[in-house]
């Protein structure tokens, strides 16, 4: 999967979580033709960007427990931080 596809999928997952229209985890994963574990990897990535993602069994949906917005600033800030951490560890 290239970077564009990865970012597109992340944005699509974000939108469904924001709208509280994900359904159960296995259903949510099927919407993207991925496994449940791959879905949780994407959710973990959103958490890395500062999202507090929770799941409501009562409403069968993932939701944000904070005012998280996935913006280009949030995304690129994390990517830049990771790039510098990786390069500094290689040099040091």
N, C-alpha and C. Protein backbone atom coordinates (compact mmCIF):
# COMPACT_ATOMS: atom_id res chain seq x y z
N UNK A 1 0.85 -1.17 0.00
CA UNK A 1 0.00 0.00 0.00
C UNK A 1 0.90 1.24 0.00
N UNK A 2 0.62 2.16 -0.91
CA UNK A 2 1.43 3.36 -0.97
C UNK A 2 0.94 4.39 0.05
N UNK A 3 1.70 5.45 0.20
CA UNK A 3 1.38 6.48 1.19
C UNK A 3 0.02 7.10 0.95
N UNK A 4 -0.32 7.38 -0.29
CA UNK A 4 -1.62 7.99 -0.61
C UNK A 4 -2.76 7.08 -0.16
N UNK A 5 -2.67 5.79 -0.45
CA UNK A 5 -3.71 4.84 -0.05
C UNK A 5 -3.81 4.75 1.47
N UNK A 6 -2.67 4.76 2.14
CA UNK A 6 -2.65 4.69 3.60
C UNK A 6 -3.32 5.92 4.22
N UNK A 7 -2.99 7.09 3.72
CA UNK A 7 -3.58 8.33 4.24
C UNK A 7 -5.07 8.37 3.93
N UNK A 8 -5.45 7.96 2.73
CA UNK A 8 -6.87 7.95 2.36
C UNK A 8 -7.66 7.04 3.28
N UNK A 9 -7.14 5.85 3.55
CA UNK A 9 -7.82 4.92 4.45
C UNK A 9 -7.92 5.50 5.86
N UNK A 10 -6.85 6.13 6.32
CA UNK A 10 -6.85 6.74 7.65
C UNK A 10 -7.92 7.83 7.74
N UNK A 11 -8.02 8.65 6.73
CA UNK A 11 -9.03 9.71 6.70
C UNK A 11 -10.44 9.12 6.67
N UNK A 12 -10.65 8.08 5.88
CA UNK A 12 -11.97 7.44 5.81
C UNK A 12 -12.37 6.82 7.15
N UNK A 13 -11.42 6.15 7.79
CA UNK A 13 -11.69 5.57 9.12
C UNK A 13 -12.01 6.69 10.10
N UNK A 14 -11.24 7.76 10.06
CA UNK A 14 -11.47 8.92 10.93
C UNK A 14 -12.89 9.46 10.76
N UNK A 15 -13.32 9.62 9.52
CA UNK A 15 -14.65 10.18 9.27
C UNK A 15 -15.76 9.31 9.85
N UNK A 16 -15.64 8.00 9.70
CA UNK A 16 -16.68 7.11 10.25
C UNK A 16 -16.68 7.12 11.76
N UNK A 17 -15.49 7.19 12.36
CA UNK A 17 -15.43 7.27 13.83
C UNK A 17 -16.03 8.58 14.29
N UNK A 18 -15.70 9.66 13.62
CA UNK A 18 -16.22 10.98 13.98
C UNK A 18 -17.75 11.01 13.89
N UNK A 19 -18.30 10.34 12.89
CA UNK A 19 -19.75 10.31 12.70
C UNK A 19 -20.43 9.24 13.57
N UNK A 20 -19.62 8.45 14.26
CA UNK A 20 -20.12 7.34 15.08
C UNK A 20 -20.96 6.38 14.25
N UNK A 21 -20.41 6.00 13.09
CA UNK A 21 -21.10 5.10 12.17
C UNK A 21 -20.21 3.94 11.76
N UNK A 22 -19.49 3.38 12.71
CA UNK A 22 -18.54 2.32 12.36
C UNK A 22 -19.16 0.93 12.39
N UNK A 23 -20.11 0.70 13.25
CA UNK A 23 -20.60 -0.65 13.46
C UNK A 23 -19.61 -1.42 14.33
N UNK A 24 -19.86 -2.71 14.45
CA UNK A 24 -18.98 -3.56 15.25
C UNK A 24 -17.62 -3.66 14.56
N UNK A 25 -16.56 -3.99 15.33
CA UNK A 25 -15.21 -4.03 14.76
C UNK A 25 -15.08 -4.87 13.49
N UNK A 26 -15.65 -6.05 13.46
CA UNK A 26 -15.52 -6.90 12.28
C UNK A 26 -16.25 -6.30 11.08
N UNK A 27 -17.40 -5.66 11.34
CA UNK A 27 -18.13 -4.98 10.26
C UNK A 27 -17.34 -3.78 9.74
N UNK A 28 -16.75 -3.06 10.66
CA UNK A 28 -15.96 -1.88 10.30
C UNK A 28 -14.78 -2.30 9.44
N UNK A 29 -14.11 -3.37 9.82
CA UNK A 29 -12.96 -3.87 9.04
C UNK A 29 -13.40 -4.30 7.65
N UNK A 30 -14.55 -4.95 7.56
CA UNK A 30 -15.03 -5.43 6.26
C UNK A 30 -15.31 -4.27 5.31
N UNK A 31 -15.69 -3.12 5.83
CA UNK A 31 -15.95 -1.95 4.97
C UNK A 31 -14.70 -1.56 4.18
N UNK A 32 -13.54 -1.87 4.74
CA UNK A 32 -12.27 -1.51 4.11
C UNK A 32 -11.52 -2.73 3.56
N UNK A 33 -12.17 -3.89 3.62
CA UNK A 33 -11.58 -5.14 3.12
C UNK A 33 -10.24 -5.44 3.81
N UNK A 34 -10.25 -5.27 5.12
CA UNK A 34 -9.06 -5.54 5.92
C UNK A 34 -9.45 -6.43 7.09
N UNK A 35 -8.47 -6.98 7.77
CA UNK A 35 -8.74 -7.81 8.94
C UNK A 35 -9.01 -6.93 10.16
N UNK A 36 -9.58 -7.55 11.16
CA UNK A 36 -9.85 -6.84 12.40
C UNK A 36 -8.55 -6.31 13.02
N UNK A 37 -7.49 -7.12 12.97
CA UNK A 37 -6.22 -6.68 13.55
C UNK A 37 -5.63 -5.50 12.78
N UNK A 38 -5.81 -5.48 11.45
CA UNK A 38 -5.36 -4.33 10.67
C UNK A 38 -6.15 -3.08 11.04
N UNK A 39 -7.44 -3.26 11.30
CA UNK A 39 -8.27 -2.13 11.74
C UNK A 39 -7.73 -1.56 13.05
N UNK A 40 -7.40 -2.44 13.98
CA UNK A 40 -6.87 -1.96 15.26
C UNK A 40 -5.51 -1.28 15.09
N UNK A 41 -4.74 -1.68 14.10
CA UNK A 41 -3.49 -0.98 13.81
C UNK A 41 -3.76 0.45 13.36
N UNK A 42 -4.79 0.63 12.54
CA UNK A 42 -5.18 1.96 12.09
C UNK A 42 -5.67 2.80 13.27
N UNK A 43 -6.45 2.19 14.13
CA UNK A 43 -6.94 2.90 15.32
C UNK A 43 -5.77 3.29 16.22
N UNK A 44 -4.80 2.40 16.35
CA UNK A 44 -3.60 2.74 17.13
C UNK A 44 -2.84 3.91 16.51
N UNK A 45 -2.83 3.96 15.18
CA UNK A 45 -2.18 5.08 14.51
C UNK A 45 -2.91 6.39 14.81
N UNK A 46 -4.23 6.36 14.82
CA UNK A 46 -5.00 7.55 15.20
C UNK A 46 -4.67 7.96 16.64
N UNK A 47 -4.51 6.97 17.50
CA UNK A 47 -4.13 7.27 18.89
C UNK A 47 -2.75 7.92 18.95
N UNK A 48 -1.84 7.47 18.09
CA UNK A 48 -0.51 8.09 18.01
C UNK A 48 -0.60 9.57 17.65
N UNK A 49 -1.62 9.91 16.88
CA UNK A 49 -1.83 11.31 16.48
C UNK A 49 -2.59 12.12 17.52
N UNK A 50 -2.97 11.48 18.63
CA UNK A 50 -3.62 12.21 19.72
C UNK A 50 -5.09 11.90 19.93
N UNK A 51 -5.65 10.99 19.16
CA UNK A 51 -7.06 10.64 19.31
C UNK A 51 -7.28 9.74 20.51
N UNK A 52 -8.37 9.95 21.19
CA UNK A 52 -8.80 9.05 22.25
C UNK A 52 -9.99 8.27 21.67
N UNK A 53 -9.69 7.09 21.13
CA UNK A 53 -10.70 6.27 20.47
C UNK A 53 -11.22 5.25 21.47
N UNK A 54 -12.53 5.20 21.58
CA UNK A 54 -13.18 4.22 22.45
C UNK A 54 -14.25 3.50 21.66
N UNK A 55 -14.76 2.41 22.23
CA UNK A 55 -15.82 1.65 21.59
C UNK A 55 -17.02 1.57 22.53
N UNK A 56 -18.20 1.83 21.99
CA UNK A 56 -19.44 1.73 22.76
C UNK A 56 -20.15 0.44 22.39
N UNK A 57 -20.26 -0.47 23.32
CA UNK A 57 -21.00 -1.71 23.07
C UNK A 57 -22.49 -1.42 22.97
N UNK A 58 -22.92 -0.43 23.70
CA UNK A 58 -24.34 -0.06 23.68
C UNK A 58 -24.76 0.42 22.28
N UNK A 59 -23.92 1.22 21.64
CA UNK A 59 -24.25 1.79 20.33
C UNK A 59 -23.53 1.09 19.17
N UNK A 60 -22.70 0.09 19.49
CA UNK A 60 -21.93 -0.66 18.48
C UNK A 60 -21.18 0.27 17.54
N UNK A 61 -20.38 1.15 18.11
CA UNK A 61 -19.59 2.05 17.28
C UNK A 61 -18.35 2.53 18.03
N UNK A 62 -17.31 2.81 17.26
CA UNK A 62 -16.15 3.51 17.81
C UNK A 62 -16.50 4.98 17.84
N UNK A 63 -15.88 5.70 18.76
CA UNK A 63 -16.10 7.14 18.85
C UNK A 63 -14.87 7.79 19.46
N UNK A 64 -14.77 9.10 19.29
CA UNK A 64 -13.70 9.86 19.90
C UNK A 64 -14.17 10.38 21.25
N UNK A 65 -13.32 10.21 22.25
CA UNK A 65 -13.63 10.71 23.59
C UNK A 65 -12.92 12.05 23.83
N UNK A 66 -12.41 12.63 22.76
CA UNK A 66 -11.82 13.97 22.84
C UNK A 66 -12.18 14.70 21.54
N UNK A 67 -11.82 15.94 21.45
CA UNK A 67 -12.13 16.75 20.26
C UNK A 67 -11.04 16.58 19.21
N UNK A 68 -10.84 15.38 18.78
CA UNK A 68 -9.77 15.08 17.84
C UNK A 68 -10.19 15.41 16.41
N UNK A 69 -9.29 16.05 15.69
CA UNK A 69 -9.46 16.30 14.26
C UNK A 69 -8.19 15.85 13.57
N UNK A 70 -8.35 15.10 12.53
CA UNK A 70 -7.21 14.65 11.74
C UNK A 70 -6.97 15.70 10.67
N UNK A 71 -5.93 16.47 10.88
CA UNK A 71 -5.59 17.53 9.93
C UNK A 71 -4.24 17.24 9.33
N UNK A 72 -3.93 17.94 8.25
CA UNK A 72 -2.62 17.74 7.65
C UNK A 72 -1.52 18.13 8.63
N UNK A 73 -1.78 19.11 9.48
CA UNK A 73 -0.79 19.52 10.48
C UNK A 73 -0.51 18.40 11.47
N UNK A 74 -1.56 17.76 11.98
CA UNK A 74 -1.40 16.65 12.92
C UNK A 74 -0.64 15.52 12.26
N UNK A 75 -1.04 15.18 11.04
CA UNK A 75 -0.42 14.07 10.34
C UNK A 75 1.05 14.33 10.06
N UNK A 76 1.36 15.46 9.47
CA UNK A 76 2.74 15.73 9.08
C UNK A 76 3.63 16.01 10.27
N UNK A 77 3.07 16.59 11.33
CA UNK A 77 3.87 16.83 12.54
C UNK A 77 4.40 15.50 13.07
N UNK A 78 3.54 14.50 13.16
CA UNK A 78 3.94 13.18 13.64
C UNK A 78 4.95 12.54 12.70
N UNK A 79 4.71 12.64 11.39
CA UNK A 79 5.63 12.07 10.41
C UNK A 79 7.02 12.71 10.52
N UNK A 80 7.06 14.03 10.68
CA UNK A 80 8.34 14.75 10.80
C UNK A 80 9.05 14.35 12.09
N UNK A 81 8.30 14.28 13.19
CA UNK A 81 8.90 13.87 14.47
C UNK A 81 9.51 12.47 14.35
N UNK A 82 8.76 11.55 13.75
CA UNK A 82 9.25 10.18 13.59
C UNK A 82 10.49 10.15 12.70
N UNK A 83 10.50 10.96 11.64
CA UNK A 83 11.65 11.02 10.75
C UNK A 83 12.90 11.46 11.50
N UNK A 84 12.76 12.53 12.30
CA UNK A 84 13.93 13.03 13.02
C UNK A 84 14.39 12.06 14.11
N UNK A 85 13.46 11.43 14.79
CA UNK A 85 13.84 10.43 15.80
C UNK A 85 14.62 9.29 15.17
N UNK A 86 14.14 8.84 14.01
CA UNK A 86 14.80 7.73 13.32
C UNK A 86 16.20 8.15 12.86
N UNK A 87 16.32 9.32 12.27
CA UNK A 87 17.62 9.77 11.77
C UNK A 87 18.59 10.11 12.88
N UNK A 88 18.09 10.64 13.99
CA UNK A 88 18.98 10.95 15.11
C UNK A 88 19.49 9.68 15.76
N UNK A 89 18.65 8.64 15.83
CA UNK A 89 19.09 7.38 16.43
C UNK A 89 20.11 6.68 15.56
N UNK A 90 20.00 6.86 14.24
CA UNK A 90 20.98 6.26 13.33
C UNK A 90 22.33 6.94 13.47
N UNK A 91 22.32 8.26 13.63
CA UNK A 91 23.56 9.03 13.73
C UNK A 91 24.21 8.87 15.10
N UNK A 92 23.38 8.71 16.13
CA UNK A 92 23.90 8.69 17.50
C UNK A 92 24.26 7.35 17.91
